[in-house]
PDB file of N, CA and C in Angstrom:
ATOM      1  N   UNK A   1       8.616  30.347   1.665  1.00  0.00           N
ATOM      2  CA  UNK A   1       8.003  29.404   2.587  1.00  0.00           C
ATOM      3  C   UNK A   1       7.177  27.994   2.083  1.00  0.00           C
ATOM      4  N   UNK A   2       7.195  26.580   3.154  1.00  0.00           N
ATOM      5  CA  UNK A   2       7.058  25.213   2.610  1.00  0.00           C
ATOM      6  C   UNK A   2       5.251  25.238   3.245  1.00  0.00           C
ATOM      7  N   UNK A   3       4.809  24.641   2.271  1.00  0.00           N
ATOM      8  CA  UNK A   3       3.387  24.481   2.780  1.00  0.00           C
ATOM      9  C   UNK A   3       3.270  22.970   2.702  1.00  0.00           C
ATOM     10  N   UNK A   4       2.292  22.547   3.873  1.00  0.00           N
ATOM     11  CA  UNK A   4       1.906  21.369   4.356  1.00  0.00           C
ATOM     12  C   UNK A   4       0.844  20.900   3.571  1.00  0.00           C
ATOM     13  N   UNK A   5       0.751  20.080   2.070  1.00  0.00           N
ATOM     14  CA  UNK A   5      -0.628  20.080   1.524  1.00  0.00           C
ATOM     15  C   UNK A   5      -1.085  18.322   1.947  1.00  0.00           C
ATOM     16  N   UNK A   6      -1.029  18.222   3.358  1.00  0.00           N
ATOM     17  CA  UNK A   6      -1.538  17.378   3.705  1.00  0.00           C
ATOM     18  C   UNK A   6      -0.905  15.893   3.428  1.00  0.00           C
ATOM     19  N   UNK A   7       0.215  15.878   3.007  1.00  0.00           N
ATOM     20  CA  UNK A   7       1.012  14.664   2.445  1.00  0.00           C
ATOM     21  C   UNK A   7       1.881  14.233   3.421  1.00  0.00           C
ATOM     22  N   UNK A   8       2.144  13.236   3.446  1.00  0.00           N
ATOM     23  CA  UNK A   8       2.881  12.464   4.686  1.00  0.00           C
ATOM     24  C   UNK A   8       4.306  12.677   4.094  1.00  0.00           C
ATOM     25  N   UNK A   9       5.586  12.974   5.345  1.00  0.00           N
ATOM     26  CA  UNK A   9       7.084  12.564   5.062  1.00  0.00           C
ATOM     27  C   UNK A   9       7.106  11.104   4.476  1.00  0.00           C
ATOM     28  N   UNK A  10       8.462  10.916   3.851  1.00  0.00           N
ATOM     29  CA  UNK A  10       8.761   9.520   3.151  1.00  0.00           C
ATOM     30  C   UNK A  10       8.455   8.437   4.684  1.00  0.00           C
ATOM     31  N   UNK A  11       8.980   9.093   5.656  1.00  0.00           N
ATOM     32  CA  UNK A  11       9.373   8.375   7.040  1.00  0.00           C
ATOM     33  C   UNK A  11       7.749   7.822   7.475  1.00  0.00           C
ATOM     34  N   UNK A  12       6.754   9.103   7.308  1.00  0.00           N
ATOM     35  CA  UNK A  12       5.849   8.823   7.926  1.00  0.00           C
ATOM     36  C   UNK A  12       4.688   7.915   6.897  1.00  0.00           C
ATOM     37  N   UNK A  13       4.951   7.801   5.677  1.00  0.00           N
ATOM     38  CA  UNK A  13       4.103   6.989   5.026  1.00  0.00           C
ATOM     39  C   UNK A  13       4.789   5.727   4.789  1.00  0.00           C
ATOM     40  N   UNK A  14       5.981   5.737   5.586  1.00  0.00           N
ATOM     41  CA  UNK A  14       6.833   3.986   5.762  1.00  0.00           C
ATOM     42  C   UNK A  14       6.525   3.383   6.724  1.00  0.00           C
ATOM     43  N   UNK A  15       6.278   4.338   7.776  1.00  0.00           N
ATOM     44  CA  UNK A  15       6.088   3.600   8.994  1.00  0.00           C
ATOM     45  C   UNK A  15       5.038   2.629   9.253  1.00  0.00           C
ATOM     46  N   UNK A  16       4.037   2.699   8.792  1.00  0.00           N
ATOM     47  CA  UNK A  16       2.630   1.823   9.215  1.00  0.00           C
ATOM     48  C   UNK A  16       3.257   0.279   8.719  1.00  0.00           C
ATOM     49  N   UNK A  17       3.630   0.434   7.402  1.00  0.00           N
ATOM     50  CA  UNK A  17       4.616  -0.572   6.501  1.00  0.00           C
ATOM     51  C   UNK A  17       5.276  -1.251   7.153  1.00  0.00           C
ATOM     52  N   UNK A  18       6.254  -0.780   7.903  1.00  0.00           N
ATOM     53  CA  UNK A  18       7.557  -1.137   8.443  1.00  0.00           C
ATOM     54  C   UNK A  18       6.849  -1.797   9.926  1.00  0.00           C
ATOM     55  N   UNK A  19       6.132  -0.875  10.722  1.00  0.00           N
ATOM     56  CA  UNK A  19       5.741  -1.114  11.899  1.00  0.00           C
ATOM     57  C   UNK A  19       5.018  -2.874  11.458  1.00  0.00           C
ATOM     58  N   UNK A  20       4.127  -2.948  10.753  1.00  0.00           N
ATOM     59  CA  UNK A  20       3.316  -4.519  10.349  1.00  0.00           C
ATOM     60  C   UNK A  20       4.449  -5.687   9.766  1.00  0.00           C
ATOM     61  N   UNK A  21       5.548  -5.098   9.113  1.00  0.00           N
ATOM     62  CA  UNK A  21       6.724  -5.559   8.333  1.00  0.00           C
ATOM     63  C   UNK A  21       7.629  -6.304   9.513  1.00  0.00           C
ATOM     64  N   UNK A  22       7.529  -5.253  10.717  1.00  0.00           N
ATOM     65  CA  UNK A  22       8.845  -6.103  11.614  1.00  0.00           C
ATOM     66  C   UNK A  22       8.520  -6.040  12.979  1.00  0.00           C
ATOM     67  N   UNK A  23       7.410  -5.647  13.600  1.00  0.00           N
ATOM     68  CA  UNK A  23       6.953  -5.806  14.949  1.00  0.00           C
ATOM     69  C   UNK A  23       6.301  -6.951  15.349  1.00  0.00           C
ATOM     70  N   UNK A  24       6.900  -7.646  16.629  1.00  0.00           N
ATOM     71  CA  UNK A  24       6.881  -8.957  16.848  1.00  0.00           C
ATOM     72  C   UNK A  24       4.818  -9.030  17.250  1.00  0.00           C
ATOM     73  N   UNK A  25       4.741  -8.115  17.895  1.00  0.00           N
ATOM     74  CA  UNK A  25       3.177  -8.109  18.257  1.00  0.00           C
ATOM     75  C   UNK A  25       2.331  -8.083  17.399  1.00  0.00           C
ATOM     76  N   UNK A  26       2.585  -8.455  15.861  1.00  0.00           N
ATOM     77  CA  UNK A  26       1.413  -8.334  14.634  1.00  0.00           C
ATOM     78  C   UNK A  26       2.142  -9.162  13.941  1.00  0.00           C
ATOM     79  N   UNK A  27       3.161 -10.335  14.397  1.00  0.00           N
ATOM     80  CA  UNK A  27       3.775 -10.958  13.530  1.00  0.00           C
ATOM     81  C   UNK A  27       2.388 -12.054  12.820  1.00  0.00           C
ATOM     82  N   UNK A  28       1.490 -12.133  13.628  1.00  0.00           N
ATOM     83  CA  UNK A  28       0.593 -13.164  12.855  1.00  0.00           C
ATOM     84  C   UNK A  28      -0.422 -12.305  12.001  1.00  0.00           C
ATOM     85  N   UNK A  29      -0.379 -11.321  11.762  1.00  0.00           N
ATOM     86  CA  UNK A  29      -1.239 -10.663  10.940  1.00  0.00           C
ATOM     87  C   UNK A  29      -0.728 -10.618   9.438  1.00  0.00           C
ATOM     88  N   UNK A  30      -1.610 -11.106   8.552  1.00  0.00           N
ATOM     89  CA  UNK A  30      -1.453 -10.859   6.862  1.00  0.00           C
ATOM     90  C   UNK A  30      -2.433 -10.697   6.359  1.00  0.00           C
ATOM     91  N   UNK A  31      -2.067 -10.235   5.227  1.00  0.00           N
ATOM     92  CA  UNK A  31      -3.384 -10.261   4.054  1.00  0.00           C
ATOM     93  C   UNK A  31      -3.879  -8.986   4.104  1.00  0.00           C
ATOM     94  N   UNK A  32      -3.948  -8.305   5.137  1.00  0.00           N
ATOM     95  CA  UNK A  32      -4.678  -7.335   5.441  1.00  0.00           C
ATOM     96  C   UNK A  32      -4.246  -6.044   4.775  1.00  0.00           C
ATOM     97  N   UNK A  33      -5.075  -4.657   4.815  1.00  0.00           N
ATOM     98  CA  UNK A  33      -4.874  -3.603   4.145  1.00  0.00           C
ATOM     99  C   UNK A  33      -4.581  -2.775   5.586  1.00  0.00           C
ATOM    100  N   UNK A  34      -3.493  -2.340   5.511  1.00  0.00           N
ATOM    101  CA  UNK A  34      -2.973  -1.686   6.898  1.00  0.00           C
ATOM    102  C   UNK A  34      -3.044   0.123   6.373  1.00  0.00           C
ATOM    103  N   UNK A  35      -3.451   0.692   7.157  1.00  0.00           N
ATOM    104  CA  UNK A  35      -3.370   2.231   6.936  1.00  0.00           C
ATOM    105  C   UNK A  35      -3.119   2.714   8.844  1.00  0.00           C
ATOM    106  N   UNK A  36      -2.199   3.947   9.039  1.00  0.00           N
ATOM    107  CA  UNK A  36      -2.042   4.504  10.204  1.00  0.00           C
ATOM    108  C   UNK A  36      -2.077   3.764  11.320  1.00  0.00           C
ATOM    109  N   UNK A  37      -1.270   2.818  11.344  1.00  0.00           N
ATOM    110  CA  UNK A  37      -1.160   1.614  12.372  1.00  0.00           C
ATOM    111  C   UNK A  37      -2.144   1.114  12.867  1.00  0.00           C
ATOM    112  N   UNK A  38      -2.993   0.441  11.613  1.00  0.00           N
ATOM    113  CA  UNK A  38      -4.465  -0.136  11.989  1.00  0.00           C
ATOM    114  C   UNK A  38      -4.860  -0.664  10.617  1.00  0.00           C
ATOM    115  N   UNK A  39      -5.795  -1.990  11.047  1.00  0.00           N
ATOM    116  CA  UNK A  39      -6.210  -2.336   9.666  1.00  0.00           C
ATOM    117  C   UNK A  39      -7.391  -1.590   9.323  1.00  0.00           C
ATOM    118  N   UNK A  40      -7.398  -1.540   8.155  1.00  0.00           N
ATOM    119  CA  UNK A  40      -8.081  -0.344   7.556  1.00  0.00           C
ATOM    120  C   UNK A  40      -9.087  -0.901   6.286  1.00  0.00           C
ATOM    121  N   UNK A  41      -9.729  -0.336   5.897  1.00  0.00           N
ATOM    122  CA  UNK A  41     -10.551  -0.747   4.326  1.00  0.00           C
ATOM    123  C   UNK A  41     -10.279  -0.050   3.155  1.00  0.00           C
ATOM    124  N   UNK A  42      -9.987  -1.306   2.195  1.00  0.00           N
ATOM    125  CA  UNK A  42      -9.385  -0.425   0.870  1.00  0.00           C
ATOM    126  C   UNK A  42     -10.245   0.375   0.151  1.00  0.00           C
ATOM    127  N   UNK A  43      -9.759   0.857  -0.817  1.00  0.00           N
ATOM    128  CA  UNK A  43     -11.089   1.612  -1.179  1.00  0.00           C
ATOM    129  C   UNK A  43     -11.737   0.795  -2.545  1.00  0.00           C
ATOM    130  N   UNK A  44     -12.887   1.295  -2.932  1.00  0.00           N
ATOM    131  CA  UNK A  44     -13.684   0.359  -3.913  1.00  0.00           C
ATOM    132  C   UNK A  44     -12.744  -0.048  -5.047  1.00  0.00           C
ATOM    133  N   UNK A  45     -11.924   1.367  -5.703  1.00  0.00           N
ATOM    134  CA  UNK A  45     -11.168   0.794  -6.715  1.00  0.00           C
ATOM    135  C   UNK A  45     -10.199  -0.217  -6.406  1.00  0.00           C
ATOM    136  N   UNK A  46      -9.397  -0.091  -5.183  1.00  0.00           N
ATOM    137  CA  UNK A  46      -8.552  -1.126  -5.120  1.00  0.00           C
ATOM    138  C   UNK A  46      -8.762  -2.646  -4.891  1.00  0.00           C
ATOM    139  N   UNK A  47     -10.334  -2.964  -4.805  1.00  0.00           N
ATOM    140  CA  UNK A  47     -11.106  -3.931  -4.685  1.00  0.00           C
ATOM    141  C   UNK A  47     -11.384  -4.645  -6.205  1.00  0.00           C
ATOM    142  N   UNK A  48     -11.457  -3.864  -6.915  1.00  0.00           N
ATOM    143  CA  UNK A  48     -12.116  -3.819  -8.440  1.00  0.00           C
ATOM    144  C   UNK A  48     -11.128  -4.931  -9.035  1.00  0.00           C
ATOM    145  N   UNK A  49     -11.749  -6.361  -9.336  1.00  0.00           N
ATOM    146  CA  UNK A  49     -11.005  -7.042  -9.717  1.00  0.00           C
ATOM    147  C   UNK A  49     -10.608  -7.120 -11.649  1.00  0.00           C
ATOM    148  N   UNK A  50     -11.448  -6.188 -11.994  1.00  0.00           N
ATOM    149  CA  UNK A  50     -11.309  -5.993 -13.459  1.00  0.00           C
ATOM    150  C   UNK A  50      -9.864  -5.400 -13.913  1.00  0.00           C
ATOM    151  N   UNK A  51     -10.102  -4.174 -12.579  1.00  0.00           N
ATOM    152  CA  UNK A  51      -9.126  -2.985 -12.477  1.00  0.00           C
ATOM    153  C   UNK A  51      -7.747  -3.381 -12.116  1.00  0.00           C
ATOM    154  N   UNK A  52      -7.813  -4.642 -11.478  1.00  0.00           N
ATOM    155  CA  UNK A  52      -6.560  -5.306 -10.966  1.00  0.00           C
ATOM    156  C   UNK A  52      -6.159  -5.947 -11.940  1.00  0.00           C
ATOM    157  N   UNK A  53      -6.953  -6.977 -12.761  1.00  0.00           N
ATOM    158  CA  UNK A  53      -6.530  -7.782 -13.696  1.00  0.00           C
ATOM    159  C   UNK A  53      -5.464  -6.907 -14.930  1.00  0.00           C
ATOM    160  N   UNK A  54      -6.359  -5.697 -15.110  1.00  0.00           N
ATOM    161  CA  UNK A  54      -5.766  -4.751 -16.268  1.00  0.00           C
ATOM    162  C   UNK A  54      -4.554  -4.078 -15.774  1.00  0.00           C
ATOM    163  N   UNK A  55      -4.275  -3.702 -14.514  1.00  0.00           N
ATOM    164  CA  UNK A  55      -2.957  -3.694 -14.307  1.00  0.00           C
ATOM    165  C   UNK A  55      -2.070  -4.723 -14.262  1.00  0.00           C
ATOM    166  N   UNK A  56      -2.251  -5.566 -14.254  1.00  0.00           N
ATOM    167  CA  UNK A  56      -1.543  -6.646 -14.056  1.00  0.00           C
ATOM    168  C   UNK A  56      -0.946  -7.093 -15.423  1.00  0.00           C
ATOM    169  N   UNK A  57      -1.969  -6.934 -16.321  1.00  0.00           N
ATOM    170  CA  UNK A  57      -1.815  -7.157 -17.994  1.00  0.00           C
ATOM    171  C   UNK A  57      -0.702  -5.856 -18.308  1.00  0.00           C
ATOM    172  N   UNK A  58      -0.820  -4.780 -18.120  1.00  0.00           N
ATOM    173  CA  UNK A  58      -0.142  -3.415 -18.511  1.00  0.00           C
ATOM    174  C   UNK A  58       1.216  -3.883 -17.591  1.00  0.00           C
ATOM    175  N   UNK A  59       1.354  -4.533 -16.563  1.00  0.00           N
ATOM    176  CA  UNK A  59       2.680  -4.645 -15.730  1.00  0.00           C
ATOM    177  C   UNK A  59       3.435  -5.504 -16.356  1.00  0.00           C
ATOM    178  N   UNK A  60       3.015  -6.645 -16.964  1.00  0.00           N
ATOM    179  CA  UNK A  60       3.592  -7.549 -17.754  1.00  0.00           C
ATOM    180  C   UNK A  60       4.008  -7.074 -18.932  1.00  0.00           C
ATOM    181  N   UNK A  61       3.500  -6.498 -19.881  1.00  0.00           N
ATOM    182  CA  UNK A  61       3.528  -5.879 -20.974  1.00  0.00           C
ATOM    183  C   UNK A  61       4.827  -5.110 -20.805  1.00  0.00           C
ATOM    184  N   UNK A  62       5.155  -4.024 -19.532  1.00  0.00           N
ATOM    185  CA  UNK A  62       5.957  -3.364 -19.508  1.00  0.00           C
ATOM    186  C   UNK A  62       7.310  -3.650 -19.033  1.00  0.00           C
ATOM    187  N   UNK A  63       7.359  -4.617 -18.212  1.00  0.00           N
ATOM    188  CA  UNK A  63       8.289  -5.592 -17.971  1.00  0.00           C
ATOM    189  C   UNK A  63       8.983  -6.726 -18.992  1.00  0.00           C
ATOM    190  N   UNK A  64       7.947  -7.333 -19.451  1.00  0.00           N
ATOM    191  CA  UNK A  64       8.449  -7.863 -20.908  1.00  0.00           C
ATOM    192  C   UNK A  64       9.382  -7.226 -21.820  1.00  0.00           C
ATOM    193  N   UNK A  65       9.353  -5.761 -22.136  1.00  0.00           N
ATOM    194  CA  UNK A  65      10.440  -5.202 -22.767  1.00  0.00           C
ATOM    195  C   UNK A  65      12.109  -5.005 -21.971  1.00  0.00           C
ATOM    196  N   UNK A  66      11.915  -5.882 -20.926  1.00  0.00           N
ATOM    197  CA  UNK A  66      13.007  -5.379 -20.224  1.00  0.00           C
ATOM    198  C   UNK A  66      13.725  -6.834 -20.182  1.00  0.00           C
TER     199      UNK A  66
END
């Protein structure tokens, strides 16, 4: 038996991004946070500039090895 734990399928998860990247009716919308086919509000963690800077630095360190 398969249980649904509230997660989206891959297609469901990609649908909003694909829509905003390709649909002509929203081609002038840019730089927003999109969720469930609408403009949404990112979480406090997503807006934390210190955390973003740390993530950037860790990412640079990881890819520098390659």
